Structures are given as structure tokens and as C-alpha cells.
């Protein structure tokens, strides 16, 4: 009888030792996983800071370039998007660039592309977008077509024989696209109310190669 009890005690002690060992192994593995994950997050955070730094440099360069000009432009200090009223380029309900608009583009395009496609930045740039935007007057399809026609008119003029030669003409063809947004992205005035005048606009935007990936990583890091 004593022998049987001793065997039972030894059995349960062995089982407890086994469970303790398994818990230690699990804790060790968990610690390694956490350390690896932290190392990964630290690495991605550095990448985020690098991309943000590049975008900040570009926005600063754009701001410096155009602050002394008399151009009616607005630079978004968060995204780097450059906006100018549609009236600068087009008459009401028209997608034909006015003579005044052509002079504006003659001055704007070389300066803009010289900054974005300089050696310091061009390796970081994924695309440059020309976007047309309208106010809320008219139907969805009318405004979508008008905004697309206007964006394409700007693109077409940039690569026409009418614009003076500029140094980044050929290389820019690998980056520039044109798209119409209709009235889907209206702008507000300082009072926070819908502003039809600001909403009727053309925007030049740029996207960095790592923008989308970095955005997802940043959201993960900030959770």
C-alpha cells in the first residue's frame, strides 16, 4: 500500500514539474515574440519618420518656391497638395484653358516639377496627380465629366507644343496622371461651411512610394 501511494505522489510531482517546464518555455517564447515585434515596430517607426521627413522637405521647398510669386495658389501644409481656383484656368462650365490659364501654367509647371523631380526627391516620388474638382451645382455625371475634362485639358496642355520647353518634360511623363473628382471632395471656408468657390479648383498632388504602406504601419503603431 505504501509503495502505491509513493508511486502516485511521484507521478503527480512529475506532472507538475512537466507543466512548470512547459509554462517556462511558453513564457520564454512569448518574450522572444514580444521582443521581435518591438524591434519590428521600432524599425517601421524609423521608416515612418524618414518618409514624413521627406514629405516635410518637399512641402517646405514648394512653400519657399511659391511664396514670393503672385500666383493664386494654396499649399496644404499637411499633404503638400497645391490648389488654385478653377477660374484661374477655365471659364464657367468650360474645360478649355483660357489664355490667362495658359500663362499661369507656363509659369507654374516648370517650377513645380523642378522641385518634385530634382535628384533629392524623384527617387521617393511614386506619382504626381492632376485632379479636377467642381462645386455641387448640376448633376453628379455632369460634374464628374467636367472635372475629368478639365484635369485632362491641363495634362494635355503640359505636353503640347504651346507650352514653353521645360527641363523635366520627358521624365515627368513617368509620373503624371489626371483624374476628375467631381463634387465628391468639397472644401470649407474659415467658418467651417461649404465653400463653392474654393471647391471649384484644380489640384496638383504627389504621392510618395511608401505612403500607403507607411499609413497602415502608422495606424498599427499608434493603436
Protein backbone atom coordinates (compact mmCIF):
# COMPACT_ATOMS: atom_id res chain seq x y z
CA UNK A 1 0.00 0.00 0.00
CA UNK A 2 2.81 2.45 0.92
CA UNK A 3 4.56 1.68 -2.39
CA UNK A 4 1.44 2.52 -4.41
CA UNK A 5 0.97 5.85 -2.61
CA UNK A 6 4.62 6.71 -3.20
CA UNK A 7 4.21 5.97 -6.91
CA UNK A 8 1.10 8.21 -7.06
CA UNK A 9 2.94 11.05 -5.34
CA UNK A 10 5.90 10.70 -7.69
CA UNK A 11 3.52 10.67 -10.68
CA UNK A 12 1.81 13.92 -9.69
CA UNK A 13 5.11 15.57 -8.84
CA UNK A 14 6.45 14.63 -12.28
CA UNK A 15 3.32 16.01 -13.95
CA UNK A 16 3.63 19.29 -12.02
CA UNK A 17 7.29 19.57 -12.99
CA UNK A 18 6.35 18.99 -16.62
CA UNK A 19 3.68 21.69 -16.54
CA UNK A 20 6.09 24.13 -14.90
CA UNK A 21 8.67 23.45 -17.58
CA UNK A 22 6.09 23.95 -20.33
CA UNK A 23 4.98 27.25 -18.80
CA UNK A 24 8.59 28.42 -18.64
CA UNK A 25 9.11 27.51 -22.30
CA UNK A 26 5.88 29.29 -23.25
CA UNK A 27 6.90 32.40 -21.29
CA UNK A 28 10.32 32.37 -22.97
CA UNK A 29 8.78 32.06 -26.44
CA UNK A 30 6.30 34.82 -25.66
CA UNK A 31 9.12 37.09 -24.51
CA UNK A 32 11.05 36.43 -27.72
CA UNK A 33 7.97 37.16 -29.82
CA UNK A 34 7.35 40.42 -27.96
CA UNK A 35 10.98 41.48 -28.38
CA UNK A 36 10.92 40.66 -32.09
CA UNK A 37 7.64 42.55 -32.51
CA UNK A 38 9.01 45.57 -30.66
CA UNK A 39 12.13 45.51 -32.82
CA UNK A 40 9.92 45.39 -35.94
CA UNK A 41 7.81 48.29 -34.70
CA UNK A 42 10.92 50.33 -33.89
CA UNK A 43 12.23 49.70 -37.39
CA UNK A 44 8.93 50.68 -39.01
CA UNK A 45 8.67 53.76 -36.83
CA UNK A 46 12.05 54.89 -38.14
CA UNK A 47 10.79 54.34 -41.69
CA UNK A 48 7.71 56.42 -40.91
CA UNK A 49 9.84 59.27 -39.59
CA UNK A 50 12.03 59.11 -42.70
CA UNK A 51 9.03 59.32 -45.05
CA UNK A 52 7.46 62.12 -43.02
CA UNK A 53 10.78 63.95 -43.14
CA UNK A 54 10.91 63.70 -46.95
CA UNK A 55 7.34 64.95 -47.30
CA UNK A 56 8.09 67.83 -44.94
CA UNK A 57 11.15 68.76 -47.01
CA UNK A 58 9.11 68.77 -50.22
CA UNK A 59 6.35 70.89 -48.71
CA UNK A 60 8.91 73.34 -47.36
CA UNK A 61 10.60 73.56 -50.76
CA UNK A 62 7.26 74.17 -52.51
CA UNK A 63 6.30 76.83 -49.98
CA UNK A 64 9.63 78.62 -50.39
CA UNK A 65 9.42 78.45 -54.18
CA UNK A 66 5.98 79.97 -54.48
CA UNK A 67 5.73 82.33 -51.51
CA UNK A 68 7.24 85.23 -53.47
CA UNK A 69 5.07 84.65 -56.55
CA UNK A 70 1.82 86.41 -57.30
CA UNK A 71 0.12 83.13 -58.20
CA UNK A 72 -3.27 82.45 -56.67
CA UNK A 73 -2.28 79.14 -55.12
CA UNK A 74 -2.86 77.45 -51.79
CA UNK A 75 -0.43 74.86 -50.42
CA UNK A 76 -1.78 72.28 -47.99
CA UNK A 77 0.88 72.08 -45.28
CA UNK A 78 -0.20 68.54 -44.31
CA UNK A 79 -0.35 66.83 -47.70
CA UNK A 80 1.63 69.12 -49.99
CA UNK A 81 -1.32 69.46 -52.38
CA UNK A 82 -1.28 72.70 -54.37
CA UNK A 83 -4.71 74.15 -55.11
CA UNK A 84 -5.76 77.01 -57.33
CA UNK A 85 -9.26 78.19 -58.23
CA UNK A 86 -10.79 76.76 -61.37
CA UNK A 87 -11.43 80.33 -62.53
CA UNK A 88 -7.68 80.79 -62.93
CA UNK A 89 -7.73 78.31 -65.81
CA UNK A 90 -11.31 77.97 -67.03
CA UNK A 91 -14.45 79.93 -67.74
CA UNK A 92 -17.69 78.74 -66.10
CA UNK A 93 -18.82 75.33 -67.38
CA UNK A 94 -15.84 75.14 -69.74
CA UNK A 95 -12.92 72.71 -69.93
CA UNK A 96 -10.97 74.87 -72.39
CA UNK A 97 -7.97 76.55 -70.77
CA UNK A 98 -8.17 80.32 -71.04
CA UNK A 99 -5.24 82.46 -72.28
CA UNK A 100 -4.77 83.62 -68.69
CA UNK A 101 -4.75 79.98 -67.60
CA UNK A 102 -2.09 79.07 -70.14
CA UNK A 103 0.18 81.85 -68.85
CA UNK A 104 -0.38 80.57 -65.34
CA UNK A 105 0.63 77.02 -66.30
CA UNK A 106 3.62 78.31 -68.28
CA UNK A 107 4.96 79.78 -65.06
CA UNK A 108 3.76 77.15 -62.61
CA UNK A 109 4.62 73.81 -64.24
CA UNK A 110 8.42 74.23 -64.64
CA UNK A 111 8.83 75.44 -61.04
CA UNK A 112 6.63 72.70 -59.61
CA UNK A 113 8.26 69.84 -61.47
CA UNK A 114 11.78 71.18 -60.91
CA UNK A 115 11.17 70.74 -57.19
CA UNK A 116 9.46 67.36 -57.18
CA UNK A 117 11.70 65.73 -59.77
CA UNK A 118 15.05 67.03 -58.59
CA UNK A 119 17.61 64.36 -57.70
CA UNK A 120 16.92 64.72 -53.98
CA UNK A 121 13.24 63.75 -54.28
CA UNK A 122 12.48 61.96 -57.53
CA UNK A 123 13.51 58.55 -56.18
CA UNK A 124 10.90 58.95 -53.44
CA UNK A 125 8.03 60.06 -55.71
CA UNK A 126 5.52 57.45 -56.79
CA UNK A 127 3.13 59.64 -58.78
CA UNK A 128 2.00 63.20 -59.43
CA UNK A 129 -1.73 63.68 -59.84
CA UNK A 130 -3.69 66.45 -61.52
CA UNK A 131 -7.20 66.49 -60.07
CA UNK A 132 -10.20 68.46 -61.21
CA UNK A 133 -12.91 69.39 -58.68
CA UNK A 134 -16.27 71.11 -59.03
CA UNK A 135 -18.93 72.65 -56.80
CA UNK A 136 -22.30 70.98 -56.17
CA UNK A 137 -24.23 72.67 -58.94
CA UNK A 138 -25.51 70.28 -61.58
CA UNK A 139 -25.78 66.51 -61.67
CA UNK A 140 -23.22 64.02 -60.48
CA UNK A 141 -22.38 62.87 -64.00
CA UNK A 142 -22.14 66.40 -65.39
CA UNK A 143 -19.67 67.44 -62.69
CA UNK A 144 -17.70 64.22 -62.96
CA UNK A 145 -17.31 64.69 -66.72
CA UNK A 146 -16.45 68.39 -66.35
CA UNK A 147 -13.82 67.72 -63.68
CA UNK A 148 -12.27 64.93 -65.75
CA UNK A 149 -12.23 67.06 -68.90
CA UNK A 150 -10.55 69.90 -67.01
CA UNK A 151 -7.89 67.66 -65.49
CA UNK A 152 -7.17 66.15 -68.89
CA UNK A 153 -7.04 69.60 -70.52
CA UNK A 154 -4.30 70.60 -68.08
CA UNK A 155 -2.41 67.36 -68.76
CA UNK A 156 -2.81 67.82 -72.50
CA UNK A 157 -1.52 71.40 -72.35
CA UNK A 158 1.55 70.40 -70.33
CA UNK A 159 2.66 68.11 -73.16
CA UNK A 160 1.50 70.26 -76.05
CA UNK A 161 3.67 72.38 -78.33
CA UNK A 162 2.07 75.51 -76.89
CA UNK A 163 3.84 75.41 -73.53
CA UNK A 164 7.47 76.64 -73.43
CA UNK A 165 10.06 73.88 -73.13
CA UNK A 166 10.93 72.89 -69.57
CA UNK A 167 13.68 70.61 -68.33
CA UNK A 168 11.52 67.95 -66.65
CA UNK A 169 9.12 67.43 -69.57
CA UNK A 170 10.19 63.91 -70.59
CA UNK A 171 10.89 62.44 -67.16
CA UNK A 172 7.60 63.78 -65.80
CA UNK A 173 5.66 61.54 -68.20
CA UNK A 174 6.56 58.60 -65.96
CA UNK A 175 4.84 60.25 -63.00
CA UNK A 176 1.90 62.45 -64.00
CA UNK A 177 -1.71 61.25 -64.20
CA UNK A 178 -5.00 63.17 -64.46
CA UNK A 179 -8.31 62.43 -62.79
CA UNK A 180 -11.67 64.09 -62.17
CA UNK A 181 -13.25 64.01 -58.71
CA UNK A 182 -16.50 65.82 -59.43
CA UNK A 183 -18.01 67.35 -56.30
CA UNK A 184 -17.01 64.48 -54.01
CA UNK A 185 -14.36 66.45 -52.11
CA UNK A 186 -15.79 69.90 -51.38
CA UNK A 187 -13.82 72.43 -49.35
CA UNK A 188 -14.95 74.61 -46.44
CA UNK A 189 -14.29 78.22 -45.58
CA UNK A 190 -12.75 79.50 -42.34
CA UNK A 191 -16.13 79.26 -40.64
CA UNK A 192 -16.34 75.56 -41.44
CA UNK A 193 -19.12 75.95 -44.01
CA UNK A 194 -19.18 74.57 -47.54
CA UNK A 195 -17.40 76.96 -49.89
CA UNK A 196 -18.36 76.58 -53.57
CA UNK A 197 -15.64 79.00 -54.73
CA UNK A 198 -12.87 77.02 -53.03
CA UNK A 199 -14.42 73.74 -54.13
CA UNK A 200 -14.16 74.71 -57.82
CA UNK A 201 -10.47 74.06 -58.22
CA UNK A 202 -7.60 72.15 -59.78
CA UNK A 203 -5.12 70.38 -57.52
CA UNK A 204 -1.60 69.12 -58.10
CA UNK A 205 -0.73 66.37 -55.64
CA UNK A 206 2.16 63.98 -55.15
CA UNK A 207 2.35 60.56 -53.56
CA UNK A 208 5.48 59.01 -52.11
CA UNK A 209 6.33 55.39 -52.87
CA UNK A 210 5.82 54.24 -49.28
CA UNK A 211 2.78 56.40 -48.47
CA UNK A 212 0.16 53.65 -48.32
CA UNK A 213 2.33 51.12 -46.51
CA UNK A 214 3.53 53.74 -44.04
CA UNK A 215 -0.03 54.87 -43.37
CA UNK A 216 -1.04 51.32 -42.43
CA UNK A 217 2.06 50.87 -40.26
CA UNK A 218 1.50 54.21 -38.54
CA UNK A 219 -2.05 53.24 -37.64
CA UNK A 220 -0.71 50.00 -36.17
CA UNK A 221 1.99 51.78 -34.15
CA UNK A 222 -0.49 54.33 -32.78
CA UNK A 223 -3.00 51.72 -31.55
